[in-house]
C-alpha atoms as a PDB file:
ATOM      1  CA  MET A   1      39.218 -22.580   8.084  1.00  0.00           C
ATOM      2  CA  ASN A   2      42.593 -21.441   9.438  1.00  0.00           C
ATOM      3  CA  ILE A   3      45.281 -19.005   8.345  1.00  0.00           C
ATOM      4  CA  SER A   4      47.673 -21.716   7.139  1.00  0.00           C
ATOM      5  CA  GLN A   5      45.021 -23.008   4.734  1.00  0.00           C
ATOM      6  CA  LEU A   6      44.650 -19.538   3.233  1.00  0.00           C
ATOM      7  CA  GLU A   7      48.420 -19.184   2.919  1.00  0.00           C
ATOM      8  CA  THR A   8      48.547 -22.564   1.196  1.00  0.00           C
ATOM      9  CA  LEU A   9      45.884 -21.564  -1.333  1.00  0.00           C
ATOM     10  CA  LEU A  10      47.701 -18.292  -2.032  1.00  0.00           C
ATOM     11  CA  THR A  11      51.010 -20.109  -2.557  1.00  0.00           C
ATOM     12  CA  ILE A  12      49.403 -22.630  -4.911  1.00  0.00           C
ATOM     13  CA  SER A  13      47.943 -19.769  -6.969  1.00  0.00           C
ATOM     14  CA  LYS A  14      51.454 -18.352  -7.400  1.00  0.00           C
ATOM     15  CA  THR A  15      53.427 -21.564  -7.966  1.00  0.00           C
ATOM     16  CA  MET A  16      50.713 -23.483  -9.880  1.00  0.00           C
ATOM     17  CA  SER A  17      51.994 -26.628  -8.190  1.00  0.00           C
ATOM     18  CA  PHE A  18      51.178 -28.595  -5.009  1.00  0.00           C
ATOM     19  CA  ARG A  19      54.789 -29.771  -4.825  1.00  0.00           C
ATOM     20  CA  LYS A  20      56.351 -26.311  -5.180  1.00  0.00           C
ATOM     21  CA  ALA A  21      53.852 -24.859  -2.709  1.00  0.00           C
ATOM     22  CA  GLY A  22      54.833 -27.535  -0.213  1.00  0.00           C
ATOM     23  CA  GLU A  23      58.518 -26.745  -0.641  1.00  0.00           C
ATOM     24  CA  LEU A  24      57.941 -23.050  -0.002  1.00  0.00           C
ATOM     25  CA  LEU A  25      55.708 -23.702   3.019  1.00  0.00           C
ATOM     26  CA  ASN A  26      57.858 -26.544   4.381  1.00  0.00           C
ATOM     27  CA  LEU A  27      54.945 -28.972   4.047  1.00  0.00           C
ATOM     28  CA  THR A  28      54.663 -32.365   2.408  1.00  0.00           C
ATOM     29  CA  GLN A  29      52.600 -32.595  -0.766  1.00  0.00           C
ATOM     30  CA  PRO A  30      49.941 -34.731   0.982  1.00  0.00           C
ATOM     31  CA  ALA A  31      49.675 -32.055   3.707  1.00  0.00           C
ATOM     32  CA  VAL A  32      49.128 -29.371   1.055  1.00  0.00           C
ATOM     33  CA  SER A  33      46.455 -31.505  -0.621  1.00  0.00           C
ATOM     34  CA  ALA A  34      44.770 -32.161   2.711  1.00  0.00           C
ATOM     35  CA  GLN A  35      44.571 -28.453   3.546  1.00  0.00           C
ATOM     36  CA  ILE A  36      42.955 -27.609   0.219  1.00  0.00           C
ATOM     37  CA  LYS A  37      40.587 -30.571   0.449  1.00  0.00           C
ATOM     38  CA  SER A  38      39.547 -29.432   3.932  1.00  0.00           C
ATOM     39  CA  LEU A  39      38.704 -25.961   2.602  1.00  0.00           C
ATOM     40  CA  GLU A  40      36.752 -27.411  -0.309  1.00  0.00           C
ATOM     41  CA  ASP A  41      34.776 -29.692   2.011  1.00  0.00           C
ATOM     42  CA  GLU A  42      34.005 -26.858   4.415  1.00  0.00           C
ATOM     43  CA  TYR A  43      32.707 -24.555   1.669  1.00  0.00           C
ATOM     44  CA  LYS A  44      31.270 -27.362  -0.492  1.00  0.00           C
ATOM     45  CA  THR A  45      32.997 -26.217  -3.670  1.00  0.00           C
ATOM     46  CA  ILE A  46      36.034 -26.998  -5.820  1.00  0.00           C
ATOM     47  CA  LEU A  47      38.736 -24.355  -5.414  1.00  0.00           C
ATOM     48  CA  VAL A  48      41.625 -25.905  -7.351  1.00  0.00           C
ATOM     49  CA  ASP A  49      41.771 -27.525 -10.783  1.00  0.00           C
ATOM     50  CA  ARG A  50      44.320 -30.268 -10.205  1.00  0.00           C
ATOM     51  CA  ASN A  51      45.264 -30.700 -13.878  1.00  0.00           C
ATOM     52  CA  GLN A  52      48.804 -29.625 -14.737  1.00  0.00           C
ATOM     53  CA  PRO A  53      49.616 -26.833 -14.367  1.00  0.00           C
ATOM     54  CA  VAL A  54      47.472 -26.434 -11.263  1.00  0.00           C
ATOM     55  CA  THR A  55      45.126 -23.450 -11.466  1.00  0.00           C
ATOM     56  CA  LEU A  56      42.289 -21.988  -9.418  1.00  0.00           C
ATOM     57  CA  THR A  57      38.709 -22.516 -10.490  1.00  0.00           C
ATOM     58  CA  ASP A  58      36.398 -19.516 -10.818  1.00  0.00           C
ATOM     59  CA  ASN A  59      35.196 -20.203  -7.278  1.00  0.00           C
ATOM     60  CA  GLY A  60      38.808 -20.503  -6.181  1.00  0.00           C
ATOM     61  CA  LYS A  61      39.632 -17.080  -7.623  1.00  0.00           C
ATOM     62  CA  VAL A  62      36.738 -15.475  -5.745  1.00  0.00           C
ATOM     63  CA  PHE A  63      37.794 -17.286  -2.570  1.00  0.00           C
ATOM     64  CA  LEU A  64      41.398 -16.087  -3.032  1.00  0.00           C
ATOM     65  CA  GLU A  65      40.349 -12.426  -3.281  1.00  0.00           C
ATOM     66  CA  HIS A  66      38.846 -12.621   0.199  1.00  0.00           C
ATOM     67  CA  ALA A  67      41.680 -14.783   1.511  1.00  0.00           C
ATOM     68  CA  GLU A  68      44.208 -12.111   0.518  1.00  0.00           C
ATOM     69  CA  LYS A  69      42.217  -9.479   2.428  1.00  0.00           C
ATOM     70  CA  ILE A  70      42.126 -11.703   5.513  1.00  0.00           C
ATOM     71  CA  LEU A  71      45.866 -12.348   5.319  1.00  0.00           C
ATOM     72  CA  ALA A  72      46.521  -8.603   4.970  1.00  0.00           C
ATOM     73  CA  ILE A  73      44.472  -7.940   8.118  1.00  0.00           C
ATOM     74  CA  VAL A  74      46.391 -10.616   9.989  1.00  0.00           C
ATOM     75  CA  GLU A  75      49.702  -9.106   8.851  1.00  0.00           C
ATOM     76  CA  GLU A  76      48.587  -5.667  10.029  1.00  0.00           C
ATOM     77  CA  LEU A  77      47.599  -7.152  13.386  1.00  0.00           C
ATOM     78  CA  LYS A  78      51.060  -8.692  13.743  1.00  0.00           C
ATOM     79  CA  GLN A  79      52.655  -5.349  12.891  1.00  0.00           C
ATOM     80  CA  ARG A  80      50.498  -3.433  15.391  1.00  0.00           C
ATOM     81  CA  LEU A  81      51.470  -5.873  18.125  1.00  0.00           C
ATOM     82  CA  THR A  82      55.129  -5.562  17.161  1.00  0.00           C
ATOM     83  CA  ASP A  83      54.808  -1.788  17.347  1.00  0.00           C
ATOM     84  CA  LEU A  84      54.032  -2.040  21.055  1.00  0.00           C
ATOM     85  CA  ASN A  85      57.769  -2.552  21.403  1.00  0.00           C
ATOM     86  CA  GLN A  86      59.571   0.726  22.144  1.00  0.00           C
ATOM     87  CA  THR A  87      62.193   0.197  19.419  1.00  0.00           C
ATOM     88  CA  PRO A  88      60.983   1.196  15.917  1.00  0.00           C
ATOM     89  CA  GLN A  89      61.233  -1.778  13.605  1.00  0.00           C
ATOM     90  CA  GLY A  90      59.625  -3.161  10.492  1.00  0.00           C
ATOM     91  CA  HIS A  91      59.851  -2.804   6.728  1.00  0.00           C
ATOM     92  CA  ILE A  92      59.490   0.284   4.534  1.00  0.00           C
ATOM     93  CA  VAL A  93      58.877   0.095   0.787  1.00  0.00           C
ATOM     94  CA  LEU A  94      59.970   3.389  -0.759  1.00  0.00           C
ATOM     95  CA  GLY A  95      59.237   4.566  -4.301  1.00  0.00           C
ATOM     96  CA  THR A  96      61.137   7.388  -5.989  1.00  0.00           C
ATOM     97  CA  THR A  97      62.862   8.416  -9.213  1.00  0.00           C
ATOM     98  CA  SER A  98      66.303   7.159 -10.176  1.00  0.00           C
ATOM     99  CA  SER A  99      67.848  10.620  -9.748  1.00  0.00           C
ATOM    100  CA  ILE A 100      66.485  11.063  -6.232  1.00  0.00           C
ATOM    101  CA  ALA A 101      67.478   7.505  -5.371  1.00  0.00           C
ATOM    102  CA  ILE A 102      71.069   8.181  -6.427  1.00  0.00           C
ATOM    103  CA  GLN A 103      71.542  11.798  -5.351  1.00  0.00           C
ATOM    104  CA  ILE A 104      69.386  12.224  -2.244  1.00  0.00           C
ATOM    105  CA  LEU A 105      68.614   8.898  -0.575  1.00  0.00           C
ATOM    106  CA  PRO A 106      72.150   7.717   0.228  1.00  0.00           C
ATOM    107  CA  ARG A 107      72.607  10.576   2.715  1.00  0.00           C
ATOM    108  CA  VAL A 108      69.128  10.147   4.168  1.00  0.00           C
ATOM    109  CA  LEU A 109      69.229   6.371   4.473  1.00  0.00           C
ATOM    110  CA  SER A 110      72.772   6.138   5.836  1.00  0.00           C
ATOM    111  CA  TYR A 111      71.746   8.342   8.760  1.00  0.00           C
ATOM    112  CA  PHE A 112      68.424   6.576   9.244  1.00  0.00           C
ATOM    113  CA  GLN A 113      69.800   3.039   9.201  1.00  0.00           C
ATOM    114  CA  ASP A 114      72.580   3.961  11.602  1.00  0.00           C
ATOM    115  CA  GLN A 115      69.947   5.165  14.053  1.00  0.00           C
ATOM    116  CA  PHE A 116      67.421   2.361  13.475  1.00  0.00           C
ATOM    117  CA  PRO A 117      69.181  -0.844  12.369  1.00  0.00           C
ATOM    118  CA  LEU A 118      66.035  -2.954  12.912  1.00  0.00           C
ATOM    119  CA  ILE A 119      64.224  -1.149  10.097  1.00  0.00           C
ATOM    120  CA  LYS A 120      64.602  -2.672   6.625  1.00  0.00           C
ATOM    121  CA  THR A 121      64.159  -0.462   3.559  1.00  0.00           C
ATOM    122  CA  THR A 122      63.336  -1.564   0.015  1.00  0.00           C
ATOM    123  CA  ILE A 123      63.620   1.074  -2.723  1.00  0.00           C
ATOM    124  CA  TYR A 124      61.843   0.923  -6.083  1.00  0.00           C
ATOM    125  CA  SER A 125      62.976   3.316  -8.813  1.00  0.00           C
ATOM    126  CA  MET A 126      60.224   4.477 -11.181  1.00  0.00           C
ATOM    127  CA  PRO A 127      59.089   7.417 -13.354  1.00  0.00           C
ATOM    128  CA  SER A 128      58.016  10.417 -11.276  1.00  0.00           C
ATOM    129  CA  VAL A 129      54.324  10.215 -12.188  1.00  0.00           C
ATOM    130  CA  GLN A 130      54.241   6.548 -11.178  1.00  0.00           C
ATOM    131  CA  VAL A 131      55.371   7.328  -7.634  1.00  0.00           C
ATOM    132  CA  MET A 132      52.079   8.972  -6.686  1.00  0.00           C
ATOM    133  CA  SER A 133      49.940   6.187  -8.174  1.00  0.00           C
ATOM    134  CA  SER A 134      52.088   3.533  -6.454  1.00  0.00           C
ATOM    135  CA  VAL A 135      51.510   5.217  -3.090  1.00  0.00           C
ATOM    136  CA  GLU A 136      47.798   5.491  -3.827  1.00  0.00           C
ATOM    137  CA  ASN A 137      47.397   1.811  -4.749  1.00  0.00           C
ATOM    138  CA  GLY A 138      49.509   0.660  -1.803  1.00  0.00           C
ATOM    139  CA  SER A 139      52.362  -0.948  -3.743  1.00  0.00           C
ATOM    140  CA  VAL A 140      54.806   1.367  -1.941  1.00  0.00           C
ATOM    141  CA  ASP A 141      54.532   2.780   1.583  1.00  0.00           C
ATOM    142  CA  ILE A 142      56.228   6.128   1.020  1.00  0.00           C
ATOM    143  CA  GLY A 143      57.048   8.099  -2.107  1.00  0.00           C
ATOM    144  CA  ILE A 144      59.505  10.930  -2.690  1.00  0.00           C
ATOM    145  CA  THR A 145      58.652  12.830  -5.846  1.00  0.00           C
ATOM    146  CA  TYR A 146      57.799  16.168  -7.434  1.00  0.00           C
ATOM    147  CA  LEU A 147      54.561  17.585  -6.018  1.00  0.00           C
ATOM    148  CA  THR A 148      52.620  18.894  -8.982  1.00  0.00           C
ATOM    149  CA  GLU A 149      49.029  18.793  -7.763  1.00  0.00           C
ATOM    150  CA  LYS A 150      46.934  18.019  -4.724  1.00  0.00           C
ATOM    151  CA  ASN A 151      45.643  14.460  -4.392  1.00  0.00           C
ATOM    152  CA  PRO A 152      42.925  13.877  -1.768  1.00  0.00           C
ATOM    153  CA  ASN A 153      44.021  10.256  -1.378  1.00  0.00           C
ATOM    154  CA  VAL A 154      47.563  11.044  -0.206  1.00  0.00           C
ATOM    155  CA  HIS A 155      49.274  13.185   2.404  1.00  0.00           C
ATOM    156  CA  SER A 156      52.210  15.247   1.150  1.00  0.00           C
ATOM    157  CA  SER A 157      54.899  17.405   2.717  1.00  0.00           C
ATOM    158  CA  VAL A 158      57.499  19.524   0.899  1.00  0.00           C
ATOM    159  CA  LEU A 159      61.121  18.573   1.617  1.00  0.00           C
ATOM    160  CA  TYR A 160      63.058  20.864  -0.740  1.00  0.00           C
ATOM    161  CA  TYR A 161      62.845  22.631  -4.110  1.00  0.00           C
ATOM    162  CA  ASP A 162      64.471  21.679  -7.405  1.00  0.00           C
ATOM    163  CA  SER A 163      64.504  23.163 -10.910  1.00  0.00           C
ATOM    164  CA  PHE A 164      65.234  21.972 -14.436  1.00  0.00           C
ATOM    165  CA  VAL A 165      68.257  23.098 -16.444  1.00  0.00           C
ATOM    166  CA  LEU A 166      69.629  22.710 -19.963  1.00  0.00           C
ATOM    167  CA  VAL A 167      72.846  20.676 -19.979  1.00  0.00           C
ATOM    168  CA  VAL A 168      75.338  19.919 -22.739  1.00  0.00           C
ATOM    169  CA  SER A 169      78.695  18.249 -23.128  1.00  0.00           C
ATOM    170  CA  PRO A 170      81.743  20.563 -22.982  1.00  0.00           C
ATOM    171  CA  HIS A 171      82.207  19.639 -26.661  1.00  0.00           C
ATOM    172  CA  HIS A 172      78.694  20.699 -27.693  1.00  0.00           C
ATOM    173  CA  PRO A 173      78.340  23.927 -29.758  1.00  0.00           C
ATOM    174  CA  LEU A 174      76.146  25.453 -27.038  1.00  0.00           C
ATOM    175  CA  SER A 175      78.849  24.921 -24.407  1.00  0.00           C
ATOM    176  CA  GLU A 176      80.428  28.218 -25.500  1.00  0.00           C
ATOM    177  CA  LEU A 177      77.319  30.044 -24.255  1.00  0.00           C
ATOM    178  CA  SER A 178      76.462  30.832 -20.649  1.00  0.00           C
ATOM    179  CA  VAL A 179      72.846  31.707 -21.486  1.00  0.00           C
ATOM    180  CA  THR A 180      70.456  31.193 -24.398  1.00  0.00           C
ATOM    181  CA  GLN A 181      66.825  31.870 -25.243  1.00  0.00           C
ATOM    182  CA  VAL A 182      64.242  29.092 -25.102  1.00  0.00           C
ATOM    183  CA  GLU A 183      63.419  29.762 -28.783  1.00  0.00           C
ATOM    184  CA  ALA A 184      66.920  28.615 -29.690  1.00  0.00           C
ATOM    185  CA  LEU A 185      66.098  25.097 -28.513  1.00  0.00           C
ATOM    186  CA  LYS A 186      63.912  24.448 -31.568  1.00  0.00           C
ATOM    187  CA  ASP A 187      67.105  23.942 -33.600  1.00  0.00           C
ATOM    188  CA  VAL A 188      68.912  21.820 -30.991  1.00  0.00           C
ATOM    189  CA  PRO A 189      68.598  17.988 -31.093  1.00  0.00           C
ATOM    190  CA  LEU A 190      67.336  17.027 -27.644  1.00  0.00           C
ATOM    191  CA  ILE A 191      67.537  13.885 -25.572  1.00  0.00           C
ATOM    192  CA  MET A 192      64.298  13.905 -23.612  1.00  0.00           C
ATOM    193  CA  LEU A 193      62.566  12.066 -20.830  1.00  0.00           C
ATOM    194  CA  THR A 194      59.611   9.900 -21.815  1.00  0.00           C
ATOM    195  CA  SER A 195      56.134  11.431 -21.794  1.00  0.00           C
ATOM    196  CA  ASP A 196      55.170   9.688 -18.518  1.00  0.00           C
ATOM    197  CA  THR A 197      57.627  11.784 -16.491  1.00  0.00           C
ATOM    198  CA  LEU A 198      56.948  15.120 -14.801  1.00  0.00           C
ATOM    199  CA  GLY A 199      60.141  16.616 -16.209  1.00  0.00           C
ATOM    200  CA  ARG A 200      58.912  15.918 -19.741  1.00  0.00           C
ATOM    201  CA  LYS A 201      55.436  17.257 -18.991  1.00  0.00           C
ATOM    202  CA  PHE A 202      56.993  20.474 -17.675  1.00  0.00           C
ATOM    203  CA  LEU A 203      59.234  20.878 -20.731  1.00  0.00           C
ATOM    204  CA  ASP A 204      56.359  20.152 -23.118  1.00  0.00           C
ATOM    205  CA  SER A 205      54.317  22.885 -21.439  1.00  0.00           C
ATOM    206  CA  ILE A 206      57.175  25.372 -21.908  1.00  0.00           C
ATOM    207  CA  PHE A 207      57.484  24.427 -25.581  1.00  0.00           C
ATOM    208  CA  ARG A 208      53.723  24.761 -26.147  1.00  0.00           C
ATOM    209  CA  LYS A 209      53.711  28.175 -24.497  1.00  0.00           C
ATOM    210  CA  HIS A 210      56.425  29.387 -26.879  1.00  0.00           C
ATOM    211  CA  ASN A 211      55.119  27.533 -29.967  1.00  0.00           C
ATOM    212  CA  ILE A 212      58.266  25.454 -30.242  1.00  0.00           C
ATOM    213  CA  GLN A 213      58.374  22.118 -32.047  1.00  0.00           C
ATOM    214  CA  PRO A 214      61.449  20.413 -30.530  1.00  0.00           C
ATOM    215  CA  THR A 215      63.775  18.072 -32.385  1.00  0.00           C
ATOM    216  CA  VAL A 216      63.646  14.914 -30.287  1.00  0.00           C
ATOM    217  CA  LEU A 217      66.731  12.818 -30.907  1.00  0.00           C
ATOM    218  CA  MET A 218      65.799  10.078 -28.423  1.00  0.00           C
ATOM    219  CA  GLU A 219      63.613   9.464 -25.383  1.00  0.00           C
ATOM    220  CA  LEU A 220      64.773   7.742 -22.190  1.00  0.00           C
ATOM    221  CA  SER A 221      62.937   6.952 -18.973  1.00  0.00           C
ATOM    222  CA  SER A 222      65.699   7.993 -16.571  1.00  0.00           C
ATOM    223  CA  SER A 223      67.645  11.217 -16.058  1.00  0.00           C
ATOM    224  CA  GLU A 224      70.684   9.081 -15.227  1.00  0.00           C
ATOM    225  CA  GLU A 225      70.550   7.494 -18.681  1.00  0.00           C
ATOM    226  CA  ILE A 226      70.062  10.891 -20.294  1.00  0.00           C
ATOM    227  CA  LYS A 227      73.105  12.355 -18.536  1.00  0.00           C
ATOM    228  CA  ARG A 228      75.302   9.575 -19.882  1.00  0.00           C
ATOM    229  CA  MET A 229      74.091  10.277 -23.448  1.00  0.00           C
ATOM    230  CA  VAL A 230      74.748  14.012 -23.067  1.00  0.00           C
ATOM    231  CA  GLU A 231      78.216  13.350 -21.640  1.00  0.00           C
ATOM    232  CA  ILE A 232      79.227  11.579 -24.865  1.00  0.00           C
ATOM    233  CA  ASN A 233      77.811  14.538 -26.826  1.00  0.00           C
ATOM    234  CA  LEU A 234      74.862  12.825 -28.488  1.00  0.00           C
ATOM    235  CA  GLY A 235      72.654  15.847 -27.808  1.00  0.00           C
ATOM    236  CA  ALA A 236      71.462  18.408 -25.263  1.00  0.00           C
ATOM    237  CA  ALA A 237      68.946  17.724 -22.499  1.00  0.00           C
ATOM    238  CA  VAL A 238      66.845  19.308 -19.772  1.00  0.00           C
ATOM    239  CA  VAL A 239      67.290  17.544 -16.412  1.00  0.00           C
ATOM    240  CA  SER A 240      66.968  18.151 -12.683  1.00  0.00           C
ATOM    241  CA  LYS A 241      69.536  20.692 -11.481  1.00  0.00           C
ATOM    242  CA  LEU A 242      70.147  18.764  -8.267  1.00  0.00           C
ATOM    243  CA  SER A 243      70.882  15.583 -10.207  1.00  0.00           C
ATOM    244  CA  ILE A 244      73.989  16.961 -11.931  1.00  0.00           C
ATOM    245  CA  ALA A 245      76.112  18.150  -8.988  1.00  0.00           C
ATOM    246  CA  ASN A 246      78.685  15.397  -9.503  1.00  0.00           C
ATOM    247  CA  GLU A 247      78.883  15.866 -13.286  1.00  0.00           C
ATOM    248  CA  LEU A 248      79.402  19.629 -12.864  1.00  0.00           C
ATOM    249  CA  LYS A 249      82.170  18.968 -10.351  1.00  0.00           C
ATOM    250  CA  LEU A 250      83.863  16.533 -12.761  1.00  0.00           C
ATOM    251  CA  GLY A 251      83.370  18.884 -15.710  1.00  0.00           C
ATOM    252  CA  THR A 252      81.544  16.302 -17.843  1.00  0.00           C
ATOM    253  CA  LEU A 253      78.415  18.470 -18.170  1.00  0.00           C
ATOM    254  CA  LYS A 254      77.861  22.211 -18.543  1.00  0.00           C
ATOM    255  CA  ILE A 255      74.759  24.237 -17.739  1.00  0.00           C
ATOM    256  CA  VAL A 256      73.471  26.707 -20.309  1.00  0.00           C
ATOM    257  CA  LYS A 257      71.077  29.094 -18.584  1.00  0.00           C
ATOM    258  CA  VAL A 258      67.538  29.334 -19.999  1.00  0.00           C
ATOM    259  CA  ASN A 259      65.434  31.815 -18.039  1.00  0.00           C
ATOM    260  CA  GLU A 260      62.140  30.150 -18.922  1.00  0.00           C
ATOM    261  CA  LEU A 261      63.237  26.919 -17.226  1.00  0.00           C
ATOM    262  CA  GLU A 262      64.108  28.562 -13.907  1.00  0.00           C
ATOM    263  CA  ILE A 263      60.954  27.630 -12.025  1.00  0.00           C
ATOM    264  CA  ALA A 264      61.153  26.116  -8.540  1.00  0.00           C
ATOM    265  CA  HIS A 265      59.461  22.712  -8.265  1.00  0.00           C
ATOM    266  CA  PRO A 266      58.636  21.310  -4.809  1.00  0.00           C
ATOM    267  CA  VAL A 267      59.914  17.812  -4.061  1.00  0.00           C
ATOM    268  CA  GLY A 268      58.203  16.074  -1.178  1.00  0.00           C
ATOM    269  CA  VAL A 269      57.286  12.935   0.676  1.00  0.00           C
ATOM    270  CA  VAL A 270      53.870  11.343   0.086  1.00  0.00           C
ATOM    271  CA  TYR A 271      51.951   8.545   1.775  1.00  0.00           C
ATOM    272  CA  LYS A 272      48.424   7.223   1.503  1.00  0.00           C
ATOM    273  CA  SER A 273      45.677   8.885   3.535  1.00  0.00           C
ATOM    274  CA  GLY A 274      43.992   6.724   6.140  1.00  0.00           C
ATOM    275  CA  ARG A 275      46.448   3.821   6.012  1.00  0.00           C
ATOM    276  CA  TYR A 276      48.009   2.312   9.119  1.00  0.00           C
ATOM    277  CA  LEU A 277      51.573   3.543   9.599  1.00  0.00           C
ATOM    278  CA  ASN A 278      53.781   1.060  11.423  1.00  0.00           C
ATOM    279  CA  SER A 279      56.526   2.324  13.735  1.00  0.00           C
ATOM    280  CA  ALA A 280      59.155   2.085  10.979  1.00  0.00           C
ATOM    281  CA  ILE A 281      57.145   4.288   8.601  1.00  0.00           C
ATOM    282  CA  GLN A 282      56.248   6.758  11.342  1.00  0.00           C
ATOM    283  CA  GLN A 283      59.884   7.107  12.382  1.00  0.00           C
ATOM    284  CA  PHE A 284      61.067   7.524   8.799  1.00  0.00           C
ATOM    285  CA  LEU A 285      58.441  10.194   8.091  1.00  0.00           C
ATOM    286  CA  ASN A 286      59.276  12.077  11.281  1.00  0.00           C
ATOM    287  CA  ASP A 287      62.986  12.058  10.505  1.00  0.00           C
ATOM    288  CA  LEU A 288      62.469  12.994   6.854  1.00  0.00           C
ATOM    289  CA  LYS A 289      60.171  15.925   7.632  1.00  0.00           C
ATOM    290  CA  GLY A 290      62.538  17.117  10.352  1.00  0.00           C
ATOM    291  CA  MET A 291      65.590  17.335   8.089  1.00  0.00           C
ATOM    292  CA  PRO A 292      66.686  20.828   6.956  1.00  0.00           C
ATOM    293  CA  GLU A 293      66.557  21.533   3.234  1.00  0.00           C
ATOM    294  CA  HIS A 294      70.331  21.731   2.887  1.00  0.00           C
ATOM    295  CA  HIS A 295      70.568  18.073   3.930  1.00  0.00           C
ATOM    296  CA  PHE A 296      68.847  17.151   0.661  1.00  0.00           C
ATOM    297  CA  ILE A 297      70.419  19.629  -1.734  1.00  0.00           C
ATOM    298  CA  SER A 298      74.006  19.542  -0.466  1.00  0.00           C
ATOM    299  CA  SER A 299      76.444  18.234  -3.066  1.00  0.00           C
ATOM    300  CA  GLU A 300      78.628  16.637  -0.419  1.00  0.00           C
END
């Protein structure tokens, strides 16, 4: 058994074709067949059902599970050897919310990539509660999200603090007010985040505490989408205060103060406990933790 055979089996499982696997691996179809046949002979079992579309047998699926682990170990070995080089390099997969990705990361990443051009960054935007689980299951290397509770499987470090605010269009009836009571929101049609977001969970807890049954006009998964709906005066909304700096500057949104919402929420960086951190991830974490809070919350 060799690494190329395992890579071939993995590629076949994804493409469901000997021909397509060969194209991706730059191998002829007979070479692909020969590699699989060699594995099957060595382990005295059939790994691939060659009917169209090509699929793995039950034995092949079990074999693939272990092959993926072996390939992951080999990839980590390559990365560790690369890290012996003095120049930080590698690939970072970052998970965060759409608001943080738009408002915070451009400043952070522009500095970081100027300093370390050999480091590639991929950013996935997702609901806030999904960031932590994605870090925990290894689908992202680093997360930036609201820190609501301790998780023994991840390391976390606070970067800055945010809060949630009620926003309306300048044409909304509430725009004439500078402050209102939370009880008044029961009569206001609201555009809300979906229930799998931390912002929604926070707002629901406030409503429960004050026995308020909100009028939910619509639910959206992103604060950016919500802001656009509020700007065209479809309803009011509660969103991250730091996410609306540009809209406040342009005058397309107005804050109406609600004392009960003015709670500071820590936003931080998280990464999985016990995982190997390549030089790219280590450098990014060091730089991120070393940045002053105003670097994140500045509206410039």
